[in-house]
Amino acid sequence: MNRLLSFLALALLGPALRAENPKELLNVPYGMHSRQVLDFYQAKSDKPTPVVFYIHGGGWSNGDKKINPKQFLDKGISVAAINYRFVQHGVEENVVPPVKAPLQDAARALQFVRSKAGEWNIDKKRIAATGGSAGGCSSLWLAFHDDMADPTSKDPIARESTRLYCAAVNGAQTSLDPRELREWMPNYSYGAHAFGLPNFQSLIDNRDKVLKWIKEYSPIEHVTKDDPPIALFYGGDKDAKVGDSPKDPTHSPVLGIKLEEKLKATGVEVILVYPGRPSVKYKSSADYLIDRLMK
C-alpha cells in the first residue's frame, strides 16, 4: 500500500518534475520502483510526432537514461528515455528469471508512453526503439515479441500495444542461448546473469533447465515475418566471420551477421552495418531512425 501511495504521489507531482525547458519532463514514473522512471523530450510540432524510445545499456546491471535528444528534436522527433530495474533488482524481488525485470519494464514503459499520446502530442504508431548492448537486446526483444497488450485489462496502460515501428541498435546481443552463441563464437561468455546463474559454464550446464526462459527472453527466438524493419550497427572486427573468437564477442558483428541471416530468411527488412560492411546512407543508428521515422 505504501508503494502504491508513493507511486500515486509521484504521478500527481508530474508537472513539478518539469525541467527549465517546458518541453522536457524528467523522471516521470511509469511504475512504483525508483528505477521505473523515464524522461520525455517533446519536439515542436503542430501534428503528432514520431518517438525514439531509448533503452540504455550496461548489461542490465548498471547505466542511466541520460541522452542528448537534440539531433532528434531538431528533426521533429520526440524522445522517451527510460530507466528500468536491473537484474539484481529482479533477484531481490524474486523475479524469475531476473532478466524478466528489465525486459518487462521496457514493455511497460513503452505502453505508458503510448498511453500519453494525446497529452504529449505523439504518434503512437511511429515509435522506434534504440539502445546499445543490453539496451539494444531489449529493443530487439520488443521488436520481435508478439504484442503484449492485454485488451481486456482494467488497466488502460496494459491495453496499449508493445509493437514497434522499427528498431536501430548498437552492439546488441541478439541471442541468449549459450549453445548457439558458442557455435557462432567459441569464446563467447556473456549472459548467465540474465538467468540468475554465476557464469557462462553454468548456463551451458543448465541449458535444458532454463530453455523455456531462453525461448522467451532471447530476441532471435521471436523472429517472425510480421516484424518491423531492423537496423544493426556494430564496431569491432572488419573481417568478422562466424566461427571466429573476436576480442569483444559480447558486441561482435557476428551477432548481427547471424540475426541478419535469420531475418532475411524470414522476410524481415534488415540492414547490417559494421567496419567490414560500411553504409553510405546510414553512418549511425540515429541516421537510420531519423530517415525511417520521417518518411
Protein backbone atom coordinates (compact mmCIF):
# COMPACT_ATOMS: atom_id res chain seq x y z
CA MET A 1 0.00 0.00 0.00
CA ASN A 2 2.83 2.41 0.83
CA ARG A 3 4.45 1.74 -2.54
CA LEU A 4 1.14 2.40 -4.29
CA LEU A 5 0.66 5.68 -2.44
CA SER A 6 4.21 6.71 -3.32
CA PHE A 7 3.54 5.98 -6.97
CA LEU A 8 0.32 7.98 -6.95
CA ALA A 9 2.09 10.87 -5.26
CA LEU A 10 4.81 10.87 -7.91
CA ALA A 11 2.22 10.75 -10.66
CA LEU A 12 0.37 13.73 -9.19
CA LEU A 13 3.63 15.64 -8.91
CA GLY A 14 4.41 15.04 -12.59
CA PRO A 15 4.20 18.73 -13.61
CA ALA A 16 6.66 19.64 -10.84
CA LEU A 17 9.21 17.36 -12.48
CA ARG A 18 9.46 19.65 -15.49
CA ALA A 19 12.92 20.99 -16.22
CA GLU A 20 13.50 24.65 -17.07
CA ASN A 21 12.63 23.81 -20.64
CA PRO A 22 8.83 23.28 -20.56
CA LYS A 23 9.17 20.69 -23.34
CA GLU A 24 11.06 18.33 -21.04
CA LEU A 25 9.51 16.03 -18.45
CA LEU A 26 12.10 14.38 -16.25
CA ASN A 27 11.80 11.31 -14.01
CA VAL A 28 8.19 10.62 -14.87
CA PRO A 29 7.15 7.42 -13.04
CA TYR A 30 5.71 4.55 -15.07
CA GLY A 31 5.79 2.15 -12.10
CA MET A 32 6.40 2.07 -8.36
CA HIS A 33 10.10 1.12 -8.26
CA SER A 34 12.58 4.00 -8.03
CA ARG A 35 14.11 2.97 -11.37
CA GLN A 36 10.79 2.79 -13.18
CA VAL A 37 11.04 6.36 -14.44
CA LEU A 38 11.55 7.99 -17.83
CA ASP A 39 12.47 11.33 -19.36
CA PHE A 40 10.35 12.72 -22.18
CA TYR A 41 11.57 15.36 -24.63
CA GLN A 42 8.80 16.81 -26.77
CA ALA A 43 9.55 18.00 -30.29
CA LYS A 44 7.83 21.17 -31.51
CA SER A 45 5.11 20.24 -33.94
CA ASP A 46 1.52 21.08 -34.87
CA LYS A 47 0.83 17.40 -35.51
CA PRO A 48 1.61 14.24 -33.53
CA THR A 49 5.31 13.44 -33.61
CA PRO A 50 7.15 10.14 -34.02
CA VAL A 51 9.12 8.95 -30.99
CA VAL A 52 12.56 7.49 -30.38
CA PHE A 53 12.29 5.12 -27.41
CA TYR A 54 15.76 4.89 -25.85
CA ILE A 55 16.82 1.97 -23.62
CA HIS A 56 20.28 2.43 -22.13
CA GLY A 57 22.92 -0.29 -22.00
CA GLY A 58 25.02 -1.58 -19.12
CA GLY A 59 24.47 -5.32 -19.03
CA TRP A 60 21.07 -4.86 -17.37
CA SER A 61 23.20 -4.21 -14.28
CA ASN A 62 24.14 -0.51 -14.46
CA GLY A 63 23.71 2.61 -16.57
CA ASP A 64 21.30 5.51 -16.86
CA LYS A 65 18.79 7.03 -19.26
CA LYS A 66 20.75 10.24 -19.85
CA ILE A 67 20.70 11.18 -23.54
CA ASN A 68 21.20 14.27 -25.69
CA PRO A 69 17.96 14.39 -27.71
CA LYS A 70 18.85 17.40 -29.86
CA GLN A 71 19.52 15.57 -33.13
CA PHE A 72 16.03 14.05 -32.98
CA LEU A 73 14.20 17.12 -31.68
CA ASP A 74 15.69 19.19 -34.49
CA LYS A 75 14.01 16.82 -36.95
CA GLY A 76 10.62 16.91 -35.24
CA ILE A 77 11.04 13.60 -33.42
CA SER A 78 10.25 13.34 -29.71
CA VAL A 79 12.36 11.18 -27.38
CA ALA A 80 11.50 8.98 -24.42
CA ALA A 81 14.50 7.65 -22.45
CA ILE A 82 13.85 5.06 -19.76
CA ASN A 83 15.43 3.67 -16.64
CA TYR A 84 14.41 0.18 -15.59
CA ARG A 85 15.04 -2.38 -12.87
CA PHE A 86 18.34 -4.22 -13.16
CA VAL A 87 18.76 -7.98 -12.93
CA GLN A 88 19.91 -7.58 -9.33
CA HIS A 89 16.58 -5.94 -8.54
CA GLY A 90 14.91 -8.92 -10.14
CA VAL A 91 16.87 -11.20 -7.80
CA GLU A 92 15.89 -9.07 -4.79
CA GLU A 93 12.23 -9.17 -5.78
CA ASN A 94 12.25 -12.89 -6.65
CA VAL A 95 11.54 -12.19 -10.31
CA VAL A 96 12.20 -15.40 -12.26
CA PRO A 97 14.30 -15.25 -14.32
CA PRO A 98 15.96 -11.97 -13.25
CA VAL A 99 16.10 -10.63 -16.83
CA LYS A 100 12.32 -10.54 -16.79
CA ALA A 101 12.55 -7.38 -14.66
CA PRO A 102 14.36 -5.11 -17.17
CA LEU A 103 12.58 -6.55 -20.19
CA GLN A 104 9.08 -6.29 -18.79
CA ASP A 105 9.90 -2.79 -17.56
CA ALA A 106 10.81 -1.83 -21.12
CA ALA A 107 7.49 -3.17 -22.36
CA ARG A 108 5.54 -1.38 -19.62
CA ALA A 109 7.38 1.90 -20.25
CA LEU A 110 6.54 1.64 -23.95
CA GLN A 111 2.86 1.10 -23.12
CA PHE A 112 2.98 4.06 -20.73
CA VAL A 113 4.41 6.33 -23.44
CA ARG A 114 1.67 5.23 -25.83
CA SER A 115 -0.94 5.99 -23.18
CA LYS A 116 0.30 9.60 -23.17
CA ALA A 117 -0.18 10.07 -26.93
CA GLY A 118 -2.80 12.78 -26.63
CA GLU A 119 -1.18 14.63 -23.76
CA TRP A 120 2.32 14.53 -25.24
CA ASN A 121 1.32 15.04 -28.91
CA ILE A 122 2.89 11.83 -30.17
CA ASP A 123 2.01 9.41 -32.94
CA LYS A 124 1.68 6.09 -31.11
CA LYS A 125 2.06 4.17 -34.38
CA ARG A 126 5.51 5.61 -35.12
CA ILE A 127 7.64 4.62 -32.12
CA ALA A 128 11.12 3.25 -32.76
CA ALA A 129 13.34 1.61 -30.15
CA THR A 130 17.08 2.08 -29.87
CA GLY A 131 19.89 1.33 -27.44
CA GLY A 132 23.34 -0.14 -27.13
CA SER A 133 24.45 -3.56 -25.88
CA ALA A 134 21.82 -4.78 -23.38
CA GLY A 135 19.64 -1.80 -24.32
CA GLY A 136 19.87 -2.97 -27.91
CA CYS A 137 18.98 -6.50 -26.87
CA SER A 138 15.91 -5.17 -25.04
CA SER A 139 14.97 -3.15 -28.14
CA LEU A 140 15.20 -6.24 -30.36
CA TRP A 141 13.17 -8.28 -27.88
CA LEU A 142 10.40 -5.68 -28.08
CA ALA A 143 10.66 -5.54 -31.87
CA PHE A 144 10.27 -9.29 -32.34
CA HIS A 145 7.98 -10.27 -29.48
CA ASP A 146 4.28 -10.75 -30.11
CA ASP A 147 2.16 -7.89 -28.86
CA MET A 148 1.98 -8.00 -25.07
CA ALA A 149 -1.10 -5.76 -24.87
CA ASP A 150 -3.97 -7.10 -22.80
CA PRO A 151 -7.11 -5.71 -24.45
CA THR A 152 -9.32 -6.99 -21.61
CA SER A 153 -7.29 -5.43 -18.78
CA LYS A 154 -8.90 -2.97 -16.40
CA ASP A 155 -5.59 -1.07 -16.55
CA PRO A 156 -5.71 1.25 -19.59
CA ILE A 157 -1.90 1.26 -19.88
CA ALA A 158 -1.82 -2.54 -20.12
CA ARG A 159 -4.21 -2.31 -23.08
CA GLU A 160 -1.64 -0.38 -25.13
CA SER A 161 0.44 -2.15 -27.77
CA THR A 162 4.09 -3.12 -27.32
CA ARG A 163 4.80 -3.35 -31.06
CA LEU A 164 7.33 -1.05 -32.71
CA TYR A 165 7.54 0.87 -35.97
CA CYS A 166 11.22 -0.08 -36.33
CA ALA A 167 14.37 -0.55 -34.26
CA ALA A 168 18.00 0.51 -34.70
CA VAL A 169 20.55 -0.85 -32.24
CA ASN A 170 24.26 -0.65 -31.48
CA GLY A 171 26.42 -3.61 -30.45
CA ALA A 172 23.34 -5.56 -29.43
CA GLN A 173 23.22 -9.11 -28.14
CA THR A 174 20.86 -10.99 -30.44
CA SER A 175 20.68 -14.33 -28.63
CA LEU A 176 20.85 -15.59 -25.05
CA ASP A 177 21.22 -19.25 -26.00
CA PRO A 178 24.67 -20.46 -24.87
CA ARG A 179 24.72 -23.35 -27.35
CA GLU A 180 24.26 -21.27 -30.48
CA LEU A 181 26.41 -18.45 -29.14
CA ARG A 182 29.35 -20.82 -28.67
CA GLU A 183 28.73 -22.16 -32.18
CA TRP A 184 28.92 -18.61 -33.51
CA MET A 185 31.92 -17.62 -31.35
CA PRO A 186 33.82 -20.25 -29.30
CA ASN A 187 34.96 -17.63 -26.77
CA TYR A 188 31.53 -16.15 -26.01
CA SER A 189 30.91 -15.82 -22.27
CA TYR A 190 28.16 -13.26 -21.58
CA GLY A 191 24.59 -13.61 -20.33
CA ALA A 192 24.45 -16.08 -17.45
CA HIS A 193 23.34 -13.37 -15.02
CA ALA A 194 20.15 -12.91 -17.04
CA PHE A 195 19.02 -16.29 -15.72
CA GLY A 196 20.42 -15.93 -12.21
CA LEU A 197 23.45 -18.16 -12.89
CA PRO A 198 27.02 -17.35 -11.77
CA ASN A 199 28.95 -17.91 -15.02
CA PHE A 200 28.64 -18.99 -18.63
CA GLN A 201 29.68 -22.58 -17.98
CA SER A 202 26.82 -22.90 -15.51
CA LEU A 203 24.49 -21.59 -18.21
CA ILE A 204 25.77 -24.24 -20.62
CA ASP A 205 25.43 -26.94 -17.97
CA ASN A 206 21.88 -25.87 -17.07
CA ARG A 207 20.70 -25.01 -20.57
CA ASP A 208 17.96 -27.63 -20.64
CA LYS A 209 16.61 -26.40 -17.30
CA VAL A 210 16.40 -22.77 -18.47
CA LEU A 211 15.47 -23.47 -22.09
CA LYS A 212 11.91 -22.16 -21.62
CA TRP A 213 13.40 -18.86 -20.41
CA ILE A 214 15.80 -18.73 -23.35
CA LYS A 215 12.85 -19.22 -25.70
CA GLU A 216 11.00 -16.33 -24.02
CA TYR A 217 13.77 -13.77 -23.49
CA SER A 218 16.23 -14.36 -26.34
CA PRO A 219 15.34 -11.90 -29.14
CA ILE A 220 16.17 -14.17 -32.08
CA GLU A 221 13.68 -16.77 -30.83
CA HIS A 222 10.77 -14.42 -31.58
CA VAL A 223 11.55 -13.53 -35.19
CA THR A 224 8.51 -13.80 -37.49
CA LYS A 225 7.70 -12.36 -40.89
CA ASP A 226 5.45 -9.62 -39.47
CA ASP A 227 8.29 -7.96 -37.51
CA PRO A 228 9.24 -4.30 -38.15
CA PRO A 229 12.34 -3.14 -40.07
CA ILE A 230 15.61 -3.56 -38.17
CA ALA A 231 18.98 -1.80 -38.38
CA LEU A 232 22.02 -3.39 -36.72
CA PHE A 233 25.17 -1.35 -36.07
CA TYR A 234 28.41 -2.85 -34.75
CA GLY A 235 32.02 -1.86 -34.28
CA GLY A 236 34.73 -4.45 -33.87
CA ASP A 237 36.42 -6.66 -36.42
CA LYS A 238 36.34 -5.59 -40.05
CA ASP A 239 36.71 -9.21 -41.16
CA ALA A 240 34.31 -10.71 -38.63
CA LYS A 241 33.01 -14.14 -39.53
CA VAL A 242 31.13 -16.91 -37.83
CA GLY A 243 33.45 -19.31 -36.01
CA ASP A 244 35.99 -16.65 -35.02
CA SER A 245 36.96 -15.78 -31.45
CA PRO A 246 36.86 -11.96 -31.53
CA LYS A 247 38.36 -9.67 -28.91
CA ASP A 248 34.91 -8.50 -27.85
CA PRO A 249 32.45 -11.31 -28.55
CA THR A 250 29.73 -9.64 -26.44
CA HIS A 251 29.40 -6.86 -29.03
CA SER A 252 30.77 -8.58 -32.13
CA PRO A 253 29.36 -8.09 -35.65
CA VAL A 254 28.95 -11.89 -35.69
CA LEU A 255 25.84 -11.36 -33.54
CA GLY A 256 24.44 -9.14 -36.25
CA ILE A 257 25.52 -11.44 -39.06
CA LYS A 258 23.57 -14.34 -37.56
CA LEU A 259 20.49 -12.27 -36.82
CA GLU A 260 20.57 -10.75 -40.31
CA GLU A 261 20.70 -14.28 -41.71
CA LYS A 262 17.53 -15.27 -39.89
CA LEU A 263 15.71 -12.01 -40.64
CA LYS A 264 16.40 -12.27 -44.36
CA ALA A 265 15.31 -15.91 -44.42
CA THR A 266 12.10 -14.92 -42.63
CA GLY A 267 11.41 -11.93 -44.88
CA VAL A 268 12.02 -9.13 -42.37
CA GLU A 269 13.64 -5.94 -43.69
CA VAL A 270 17.13 -5.52 -42.19
CA ILE A 271 20.36 -3.62 -42.70
CA LEU A 272 23.67 -4.53 -41.05
CA VAL A 273 26.49 -2.02 -40.71
CA TYR A 274 29.96 -2.76 -39.31
CA PRO A 275 33.56 -1.91 -40.26
CA GLY A 276 33.65 -4.64 -42.87
CA ARG A 277 30.34 -3.52 -44.37
CA PRO A 278 30.01 0.26 -44.14
CA SER A 279 26.86 2.07 -45.25
CA VAL A 280 26.88 5.11 -47.48
CA LYS A 281 23.39 6.12 -46.40
CA TYR A 282 23.48 5.37 -42.67
CA LYS A 283 26.56 6.31 -40.64
CA SER A 284 24.80 5.69 -37.35
CA SER A 285 21.64 4.31 -35.79
CA ALA A 286 20.43 7.90 -35.39
CA ASP A 287 20.67 8.42 -39.17
CA TYR A 288 18.52 5.36 -39.71
CA LEU A 289 15.93 6.34 -37.11
CA ILE A 290 15.54 9.86 -38.49
CA ASP A 291 15.20 8.57 -42.04
CA ARG A 292 12.63 5.91 -41.16
CA LEU A 293 10.55 7.95 -38.76
CA MET A 294 10.31 10.99 -41.02
CA LYS A 295 9.21 9.11 -44.16
